[in-house]
Amino acid sequence: MIPHETRSVSSLMKKADTLTNNVARGLVKKTGSAPAAAAADRGASGKGHDHVDAINQVFAELELAYHNQYHKAYAQEGSIGIAKKYWLECLAPFAPAIILRAVRSVVKTQQYLPSIATIIKACENALEEHGLPAAHDAYVQACCAPHPKAEHTWSHPAVYLAGKATGWFELENNPENRIYPLFESHYRKLCRRVLAGEELVIDIPKALPEHSAKKLSLEENKSRMAELRKSIKK
């Protein structure tokens, strides 16, 4: 006969596999097909597939870590879907990698099911550890920084590099609702590189020499012109 503890571990492992396989369908309503409902959720939130997957993964991990508390908090039918959409909107300023890192940090240190406020704070701390501002704060900084941009004192090189990739002219001459998504995309990619351990550097253009080359004398100019004529005749 299989001991009770062994059956419990086996059951938990099967549960984990099931949750992992269903991550992409976490926001799907019962009444819709998986692809259509997922697309509708992404369209309604205005966020990309990576963010939707991150929130699904967050809730899967919270269920594993706080099983009884989790099911008690989301006992009402449909409450999980509503919570996921709310968390998706609240955590939108943070890159998916930051969200997942923050949640795993909280799970390791907190005994009780965390609130959205706790996760937001953890995300802010994760960014601060690397000197990275939130995406929208980085956008405002990039828009307001004076020229020449490369010589400005940035909170992090990722902000400058995201602005440069987006285009300074475009940032200054397009409304936020049009240009911010592009900036945000560049910035999040740079954040992932920083979190992976890469050190970003701002390449400052070399200044032109203060003094131009020494002017040639009249005799030197005549000599060079004579040499030029000879070379042309040849």
C-alpha atoms as a PDB file:
ATOM      1  CA  MET A   1       0.000   0.000   0.000  1.00  0.00           C
ATOM      2  CA  ILE A   2       1.388   3.453  -0.964  1.00  0.00           C
ATOM      3  CA  PRO A   3       2.012   5.664   2.115  1.00  0.00           C
ATOM      4  CA  HIS A   4      -0.193   8.760   2.443  1.00  0.00           C
ATOM      5  CA  GLU A   5       2.833  11.118   2.177  1.00  0.00           C
ATOM      6  CA  THR A   6       3.924   9.523  -1.120  1.00  0.00           C
ATOM      7  CA  ARG A   7       0.431   9.844  -2.571  1.00  0.00           C
ATOM      8  CA  SER A   8       0.372  13.544  -1.524  1.00  0.00           C
ATOM      9  CA  VAL A   9       3.691  14.286  -3.229  1.00  0.00           C
ATOM     10  CA  SER A  10       2.606  12.422  -6.361  1.00  0.00           C
ATOM     11  CA  SER A  11      -0.683  14.305  -6.426  1.00  0.00           C
ATOM     12  CA  LEU A  12       1.132  17.643  -6.045  1.00  0.00           C
ATOM     13  CA  MET A  13       3.505  16.840  -8.903  1.00  0.00           C
ATOM     14  CA  LYS A  14       0.604  15.957 -11.183  1.00  0.00           C
ATOM     15  CA  LYS A  15      -1.081  19.193 -10.165  1.00  0.00           C
ATOM     16  CA  ALA A  16       2.060  21.145 -11.061  1.00  0.00           C
ATOM     17  CA  ASP A  17       2.229  19.504 -14.494  1.00  0.00           C
ATOM     18  CA  THR A  18      -1.413  20.311 -15.127  1.00  0.00           C
ATOM     19  CA  LEU A  19      -0.945  23.939 -14.136  1.00  0.00           C
ATOM     20  CA  THR A  20       2.132  24.318 -16.315  1.00  0.00           C
ATOM     21  CA  ASN A  21       0.346  22.884 -19.337  1.00  0.00           C
ATOM     22  CA  ASN A  22      -2.591  25.222 -18.798  1.00  0.00           C
ATOM     23  CA  VAL A  23      -0.629  28.435 -18.287  1.00  0.00           C
ATOM     24  CA  ALA A  24      -1.528  29.831 -21.703  1.00  0.00           C
ATOM     25  CA  ARG A  25      -5.238  29.267 -21.073  1.00  0.00           C
ATOM     26  CA  GLY A  26      -5.481  30.862 -17.637  1.00  0.00           C
ATOM     27  CA  LEU A  27      -7.430  33.910 -18.749  1.00  0.00           C
ATOM     28  CA  VAL A  28      -9.831  32.013 -21.021  1.00  0.00           C
ATOM     29  CA  LYS A  29     -13.523  32.206 -20.259  1.00  0.00           C
ATOM     30  CA  LYS A  30     -15.532  29.003 -20.130  1.00  0.00           C
ATOM     31  CA  THR A  31     -17.769  30.172 -22.916  1.00  0.00           C
ATOM     32  CA  GLY A  32     -15.050  30.844 -25.514  1.00  0.00           C
ATOM     33  CA  SER A  33     -12.400  28.959 -27.405  1.00  0.00           C
ATOM     34  CA  ALA A  34      -8.845  29.227 -26.039  1.00  0.00           C
ATOM     35  CA  PRO A  35      -7.247  31.223 -28.903  1.00  0.00           C
ATOM     36  CA  ALA A  36     -10.207  33.564 -29.338  1.00  0.00           C
ATOM     37  CA  ALA A  37     -10.633  34.267 -25.645  1.00  0.00           C
ATOM     38  CA  ALA A  38      -6.928  34.778 -25.076  1.00  0.00           C
ATOM     39  CA  ALA A  39      -6.810  37.209 -27.994  1.00  0.00           C
ATOM     40  CA  ALA A  40      -9.811  39.066 -26.597  1.00  0.00           C
ATOM     41  CA  ASP A  41      -8.126  39.366 -23.208  1.00  0.00           C
ATOM     42  CA  ARG A  42      -4.959  40.721 -24.770  1.00  0.00           C
ATOM     43  CA  GLY A  43      -6.904  43.184 -26.853  1.00  0.00           C
ATOM     44  CA  ALA A  44      -8.949  44.395 -23.907  1.00  0.00           C
ATOM     45  CA  SER A  45      -5.931  44.917 -21.702  1.00  0.00           C
ATOM     46  CA  GLY A  46      -3.738  46.366 -24.426  1.00  0.00           C
ATOM     47  CA  LYS A  47      -0.885  44.134 -23.262  1.00  0.00           C
ATOM     48  CA  GLY A  48       1.132  41.571 -25.161  1.00  0.00           C
ATOM     49  CA  HIS A  49       1.205  37.807 -24.985  1.00  0.00           C
ATOM     50  CA  ASP A  50       4.255  37.823 -22.705  1.00  0.00           C
ATOM     51  CA  HIS A  51       2.393  39.739 -20.002  1.00  0.00           C
ATOM     52  CA  VAL A  52      -0.638  37.459 -20.185  1.00  0.00           C
ATOM     53  CA  ASP A  53       1.581  34.396 -19.873  1.00  0.00           C
ATOM     54  CA  ALA A  54       3.442  35.982 -16.942  1.00  0.00           C
ATOM     55  CA  ILE A  55       0.219  36.628 -15.001  1.00  0.00           C
ATOM     56  CA  ASN A  56      -0.986  33.091 -15.696  1.00  0.00           C
ATOM     57  CA  GLN A  57       2.327  31.739 -14.448  1.00  0.00           C
ATOM     58  CA  VAL A  58       2.115  33.954 -11.349  1.00  0.00           C
ATOM     59  CA  PHE A  59      -1.272  32.551 -10.389  1.00  0.00           C
ATOM     60  CA  ALA A  60      -0.119  28.984 -11.080  1.00  0.00           C
ATOM     61  CA  GLU A  61       2.816  29.482  -8.719  1.00  0.00           C
ATOM     62  CA  LEU A  62       0.669  31.182  -6.072  1.00  0.00           C
ATOM     63  CA  GLU A  63      -1.704  28.210  -6.146  1.00  0.00           C
ATOM     64  CA  LEU A  64       1.159  25.787  -5.609  1.00  0.00           C
ATOM     65  CA  ALA A  65       2.713  27.871  -2.824  1.00  0.00           C
ATOM     66  CA  TYR A  66      -0.475  28.840  -0.964  1.00  0.00           C
ATOM     67  CA  HIS A  67      -2.857  26.058  -1.963  1.00  0.00           C
ATOM     68  CA  ASN A  68      -5.503  26.325   0.788  1.00  0.00           C
ATOM     69  CA  GLN A  69      -5.305  30.109   1.114  1.00  0.00           C
ATOM     70  CA  TYR A  70      -5.457  30.483  -2.665  1.00  0.00           C
ATOM     71  CA  HIS A  71      -8.629  28.407  -3.091  1.00  0.00           C
ATOM     72  CA  LYS A  72     -10.262  30.139  -0.141  1.00  0.00           C
ATOM     73  CA  ALA A  73      -9.481  33.594  -1.569  1.00  0.00           C
ATOM     74  CA  TYR A  74     -10.796  32.652  -5.036  1.00  0.00           C
ATOM     75  CA  ALA A  75     -13.616  30.330  -4.031  1.00  0.00           C
ATOM     76  CA  GLN A  76     -16.285  32.292  -5.875  1.00  0.00           C
ATOM     77  CA  GLU A  77     -16.803  31.219  -9.489  1.00  0.00           C
ATOM     78  CA  GLY A  78     -15.140  33.596 -11.946  1.00  0.00           C
ATOM     79  CA  SER A  79     -13.123  35.398  -9.273  1.00  0.00           C
ATOM     80  CA  ILE A  80      -9.780  34.093 -10.547  1.00  0.00           C
ATOM     81  CA  GLY A  81     -10.388  35.460 -14.050  1.00  0.00           C
ATOM     82  CA  ILE A  82     -11.345  38.866 -12.641  1.00  0.00           C
ATOM     83  CA  ALA A  83      -8.289  38.878 -10.365  1.00  0.00           C
ATOM     84  CA  LYS A  84      -5.954  37.987 -13.227  1.00  0.00           C
ATOM     85  CA  LYS A  85      -7.227  40.837 -15.377  1.00  0.00           C
ATOM     86  CA  TYR A  86      -6.873  43.253 -12.466  1.00  0.00           C
ATOM     87  CA  TRP A  87      -3.329  42.091 -11.741  1.00  0.00           C
ATOM     88  CA  LEU A  88      -2.500  42.324 -15.439  1.00  0.00           C
ATOM     89  CA  GLU A  89      -3.450  46.004 -15.469  1.00  0.00           C
ATOM     90  CA  CYS A  90      -1.721  46.815 -12.167  1.00  0.00           C
ATOM     91  CA  LEU A  91       1.534  45.084 -13.129  1.00  0.00           C
ATOM     92  CA  ALA A  92       1.602  46.349 -16.720  1.00  0.00           C
ATOM     93  CA  PRO A  93       4.404  48.912 -16.077  1.00  0.00           C
ATOM     94  CA  PHE A  94       6.801  46.086 -15.202  1.00  0.00           C
ATOM     95  CA  ALA A  95       8.487  43.675 -17.587  1.00  0.00           C
ATOM     96  CA  PRO A  96       7.303  40.034 -17.354  1.00  0.00           C
ATOM     97  CA  ALA A  97      10.730  38.936 -16.119  1.00  0.00           C
ATOM     98  CA  ILE A  98      10.526  41.470 -13.274  1.00  0.00           C
ATOM     99  CA  ILE A  99       7.027  40.279 -12.314  1.00  0.00           C
ATOM    100  CA  LEU A 100       8.047  36.624 -12.141  1.00  0.00           C
ATOM    101  CA  ARG A 101      11.225  37.412 -10.218  1.00  0.00           C
ATOM    102  CA  ALA A 102       9.292  39.530  -7.726  1.00  0.00           C
ATOM    103  CA  VAL A 103       6.629  36.862  -7.140  1.00  0.00           C
ATOM    104  CA  ARG A 104       9.200  34.151  -6.558  1.00  0.00           C
ATOM    105  CA  SER A 105      11.000  36.399  -4.092  1.00  0.00           C
ATOM    106  CA  VAL A 106       7.747  37.002  -2.179  1.00  0.00           C
ATOM    107  CA  VAL A 107       6.820  33.300  -2.175  1.00  0.00           C
ATOM    108  CA  LYS A 108      10.151  32.440  -0.567  1.00  0.00           C
ATOM    109  CA  THR A 109       9.784  34.982   2.230  1.00  0.00           C
ATOM    110  CA  GLN A 110       6.042  35.409   2.917  1.00  0.00           C
ATOM    111  CA  GLN A 111       3.874  32.899   4.743  1.00  0.00           C
ATOM    112  CA  TYR A 112       0.546  34.234   3.551  1.00  0.00           C
ATOM    113  CA  LEU A 113      -0.982  34.757   0.102  1.00  0.00           C
ATOM    114  CA  PRO A 114       0.356  38.153  -1.058  1.00  0.00           C
ATOM    115  CA  SER A 115      -1.789  41.095  -2.130  1.00  0.00           C
ATOM    116  CA  ILE A 116      -1.261  42.968  -5.393  1.00  0.00           C
ATOM    117  CA  ALA A 117       0.288  45.813  -3.362  1.00  0.00           C
ATOM    118  CA  THR A 118       2.939  43.419  -2.047  1.00  0.00           C
ATOM    119  CA  ILE A 119       3.785  42.224  -5.559  1.00  0.00           C
ATOM    120  CA  ILE A 120       4.002  45.795  -6.905  1.00  0.00           C
ATOM    121  CA  LYS A 121       6.398  46.696  -4.091  1.00  0.00           C
ATOM    122  CA  ALA A 122       8.494  43.621  -4.851  1.00  0.00           C
ATOM    123  CA  CYS A 123       8.601  44.592  -8.550  1.00  0.00           C
ATOM    124  CA  GLU A 124       9.758  48.096  -7.644  1.00  0.00           C
ATOM    125  CA  ASN A 125      12.460  46.663  -5.401  1.00  0.00           C
ATOM    126  CA  ALA A 126      13.634  44.309  -8.165  1.00  0.00           C
ATOM    127  CA  LEU A 127      13.983  47.217 -10.582  1.00  0.00           C
ATOM    128  CA  GLU A 128      15.656  49.438  -7.986  1.00  0.00           C
ATOM    129  CA  GLU A 129      18.265  46.773  -7.301  1.00  0.00           C
ATOM    130  CA  HIS A 130      19.469  47.322 -10.862  1.00  0.00           C
ATOM    131  CA  GLY A 131      18.805  51.074 -10.950  1.00  0.00           C
ATOM    132  CA  LEU A 132      16.011  50.600 -13.495  1.00  0.00           C
ATOM    133  CA  PRO A 133      12.977  52.917 -13.310  1.00  0.00           C
ATOM    134  CA  ALA A 134       9.477  51.671 -14.159  1.00  0.00           C
ATOM    135  CA  ALA A 135       8.664  51.741 -17.884  1.00  0.00           C
ATOM    136  CA  HIS A 136       6.490  54.863 -17.838  1.00  0.00           C
ATOM    137  CA  ASP A 137       8.915  56.742 -15.579  1.00  0.00           C
ATOM    138  CA  ALA A 138      11.668  55.860 -18.053  1.00  0.00           C
ATOM    139  CA  TYR A 139       9.508  57.178 -20.904  1.00  0.00           C
ATOM    140  CA  VAL A 140       8.921  60.528 -19.157  1.00  0.00           C
ATOM    141  CA  GLN A 141      12.642  60.794 -18.444  1.00  0.00           C
ATOM    142  CA  ALA A 142      13.521  60.115 -22.084  1.00  0.00           C
ATOM    143  CA  CYS A 143      11.025  62.716 -23.320  1.00  0.00           C
ATOM    144  CA  CYS A 144      12.134  65.431 -20.901  1.00  0.00           C
ATOM    145  CA  ALA A 145      15.905  64.989 -21.088  1.00  0.00           C
ATOM    146  CA  PRO A 146      17.679  67.939 -22.762  1.00  0.00           C
ATOM    147  CA  HIS A 147      19.927  67.742 -25.800  1.00  0.00           C
ATOM    148  CA  PRO A 148      22.553  66.486 -26.329  1.00  0.00           C
ATOM    149  CA  LYS A 149      20.934  63.335 -25.003  1.00  0.00           C
ATOM    150  CA  ALA A 150      24.123  61.285 -24.700  1.00  0.00           C
ATOM    151  CA  GLU A 151      25.608  63.809 -22.254  1.00  0.00           C
ATOM    152  CA  HIS A 152      22.560  63.868 -19.971  1.00  0.00           C
ATOM    153  CA  THR A 153      22.813  62.189 -16.562  1.00  0.00           C
ATOM    154  CA  TRP A 154      20.472  59.200 -16.922  1.00  0.00           C
ATOM    155  CA  SER A 155      19.077  57.099 -14.089  1.00  0.00           C
ATOM    156  CA  HIS A 156      20.167  54.069 -16.131  1.00  0.00           C
ATOM    157  CA  PRO A 157      21.724  53.599 -19.596  1.00  0.00           C
ATOM    158  CA  ALA A 158      18.687  51.480 -20.554  1.00  0.00           C
ATOM    159  CA  VAL A 159      16.534  54.628 -20.550  1.00  0.00           C
ATOM    160  CA  TYR A 160      18.846  56.410 -22.990  1.00  0.00           C
ATOM    161  CA  LEU A 161      19.251  53.360 -25.223  1.00  0.00           C
ATOM    162  CA  ALA A 162      15.473  52.812 -25.351  1.00  0.00           C
ATOM    163  CA  GLY A 163      14.978  56.455 -26.299  1.00  0.00           C
ATOM    164  CA  LYS A 164      17.655  56.262 -28.957  1.00  0.00           C
ATOM    165  CA  ALA A 165      16.139  53.069 -30.403  1.00  0.00           C
ATOM    166  CA  THR A 166      12.693  54.682 -30.465  1.00  0.00           C
ATOM    167  CA  GLY A 167      14.002  57.894 -32.001  1.00  0.00           C
ATOM    168  CA  TRP A 168      14.347  61.245 -30.215  1.00  0.00           C
ATOM    169  CA  PHE A 169      12.426  63.087 -32.921  1.00  0.00           C
ATOM    170  CA  GLU A 170       9.602  60.543 -32.729  1.00  0.00           C
ATOM    171  CA  LEU A 171       9.448  60.792 -28.934  1.00  0.00           C
ATOM    172  CA  GLU A 172       9.216  64.569 -29.063  1.00  0.00           C
ATOM    173  CA  ASN A 173       6.714  64.806 -31.910  1.00  0.00           C
ATOM    174  CA  ASN A 174       4.241  61.963 -31.344  1.00  0.00           C
ATOM    175  CA  PRO A 175       1.462  61.646 -28.748  1.00  0.00           C
ATOM    176  CA  GLU A 176       2.096  59.266 -25.867  1.00  0.00           C
ATOM    177  CA  ASN A 177      -0.574  56.767 -26.904  1.00  0.00           C
ATOM    178  CA  ARG A 178       1.195  56.310 -30.238  1.00  0.00           C
ATOM    179  CA  ILE A 179       4.889  56.329 -29.321  1.00  0.00           C
ATOM    180  CA  TYR A 180       4.928  54.952 -25.762  1.00  0.00           C
ATOM    181  CA  PRO A 181       4.222  51.312 -26.779  1.00  0.00           C
ATOM    182  CA  LEU A 182       7.282  51.364 -29.044  1.00  0.00           C
ATOM    183  CA  PHE A 183       9.474  52.899 -26.340  1.00  0.00           C
ATOM    184  CA  GLU A 184       8.109  50.418 -23.793  1.00  0.00           C
ATOM    185  CA  SER A 185       8.958  47.486 -26.057  1.00  0.00           C
ATOM    186  CA  HIS A 186      12.559  48.643 -26.495  1.00  0.00           C
ATOM    187  CA  TYR A 187      12.910  49.395 -22.787  1.00  0.00           C
ATOM    188  CA  ARG A 188      11.623  46.015 -21.650  1.00  0.00           C
ATOM    189  CA  LYS A 189      14.034  44.202 -23.944  1.00  0.00           C
ATOM    190  CA  LEU A 190      16.869  46.229 -22.444  1.00  0.00           C
ATOM    191  CA  CYS A 191      15.622  45.457 -18.916  1.00  0.00           C
ATOM    192  CA  ARG A 192      15.740  41.743 -19.697  1.00  0.00           C
ATOM    193  CA  ARG A 193      19.336  42.130 -20.834  1.00  0.00           C
ATOM    194  CA  VAL A 194      20.222  43.922 -17.594  1.00  0.00           C
ATOM    195  CA  LEU A 195      18.498  41.256 -15.494  1.00  0.00           C
ATOM    196  CA  ALA A 196      20.458  38.631 -17.422  1.00  0.00           C
ATOM    197  CA  GLY A 197      23.660  40.289 -16.233  1.00  0.00           C
ATOM    198  CA  GLU A 198      24.595  42.463 -19.214  1.00  0.00           C
ATOM    199  CA  GLU A 199      26.133  45.868 -18.514  1.00  0.00           C
ATOM    200  CA  LEU A 200      24.746  48.548 -20.831  1.00  0.00           C
ATOM    201  CA  VAL A 201      26.943  51.450 -21.861  1.00  0.00           C
ATOM    202  CA  ILE A 202      26.160  54.820 -23.431  1.00  0.00           C
ATOM    203  CA  ASP A 203      28.507  55.572 -26.315  1.00  0.00           C
ATOM    204  CA  ILE A 204      29.293  59.291 -26.078  1.00  0.00           C
ATOM    205  CA  PRO A 205      30.393  60.737 -29.455  1.00  0.00           C
ATOM    206  CA  LYS A 206      33.944  62.079 -29.463  1.00  0.00           C
ATOM    207  CA  ALA A 207      34.105  65.859 -29.417  1.00  0.00           C
ATOM    208  CA  LEU A 208      35.527  67.655 -32.443  1.00  0.00           C
ATOM    209  CA  PRO A 209      38.979  69.204 -31.939  1.00  0.00           C
ATOM    210  CA  GLU A 210      38.846  72.754 -30.631  1.00  0.00           C
ATOM    211  CA  HIS A 211      41.315  74.003 -33.229  1.00  0.00           C
ATOM    212  CA  SER A 212      41.405  73.217 -36.903  1.00  0.00           C
ATOM    213  CA  ALA A 213      44.569  72.121 -38.669  1.00  0.00           C
ATOM    214  CA  LYS A 214      47.273  74.756 -39.286  1.00  0.00           C
ATOM    215  CA  LYS A 215      46.678  76.799 -42.433  1.00  0.00           C
ATOM    216  CA  LEU A 216      49.183  76.353 -45.251  1.00  0.00           C
ATOM    217  CA  SER A 217      51.302  79.251 -46.359  1.00  0.00           C
ATOM    218  CA  LEU A 218      50.974  80.763 -49.865  1.00  0.00           C
ATOM    219  CA  GLU A 219      54.135  78.982 -51.022  1.00  0.00           C
ATOM    220  CA  GLU A 220      52.925  75.623 -49.636  1.00  0.00           C
ATOM    221  CA  ASN A 221      49.586  76.035 -51.395  1.00  0.00           C
ATOM    222  CA  LYS A 222      51.310  76.808 -54.708  1.00  0.00           C
ATOM    223  CA  SER A 223      53.574  73.792 -54.320  1.00  0.00           C
ATOM    224  CA  ARG A 224      50.632  71.466 -53.645  1.00  0.00           C
ATOM    225  CA  MET A 225      48.670  72.860 -56.578  1.00  0.00           C
ATOM    226  CA  ALA A 226      51.671  72.255 -58.857  1.00  0.00           C
ATOM    227  CA  GLU A 227      51.925  68.651 -57.654  1.00  0.00           C
ATOM    228  CA  LEU A 228      48.200  68.184 -58.230  1.00  0.00           C
ATOM    229  CA  ARG A 229      48.471  69.480 -61.840  1.00  0.00           C
ATOM    230  CA  LYS A 230      51.345  67.120 -62.534  1.00  0.00           C
ATOM    231  CA  SER A 231      49.407  64.125 -61.203  1.00  0.00           C
ATOM    232  CA  ILE A 232      46.399  65.053 -63.364  1.00  0.00           C
ATOM    233  CA  LYS A 233      48.517  65.323 -66.543  1.00  0.00           C
ATOM    234  CA  LYS A 234      49.939  61.900 -65.914  1.00  0.00           C
END
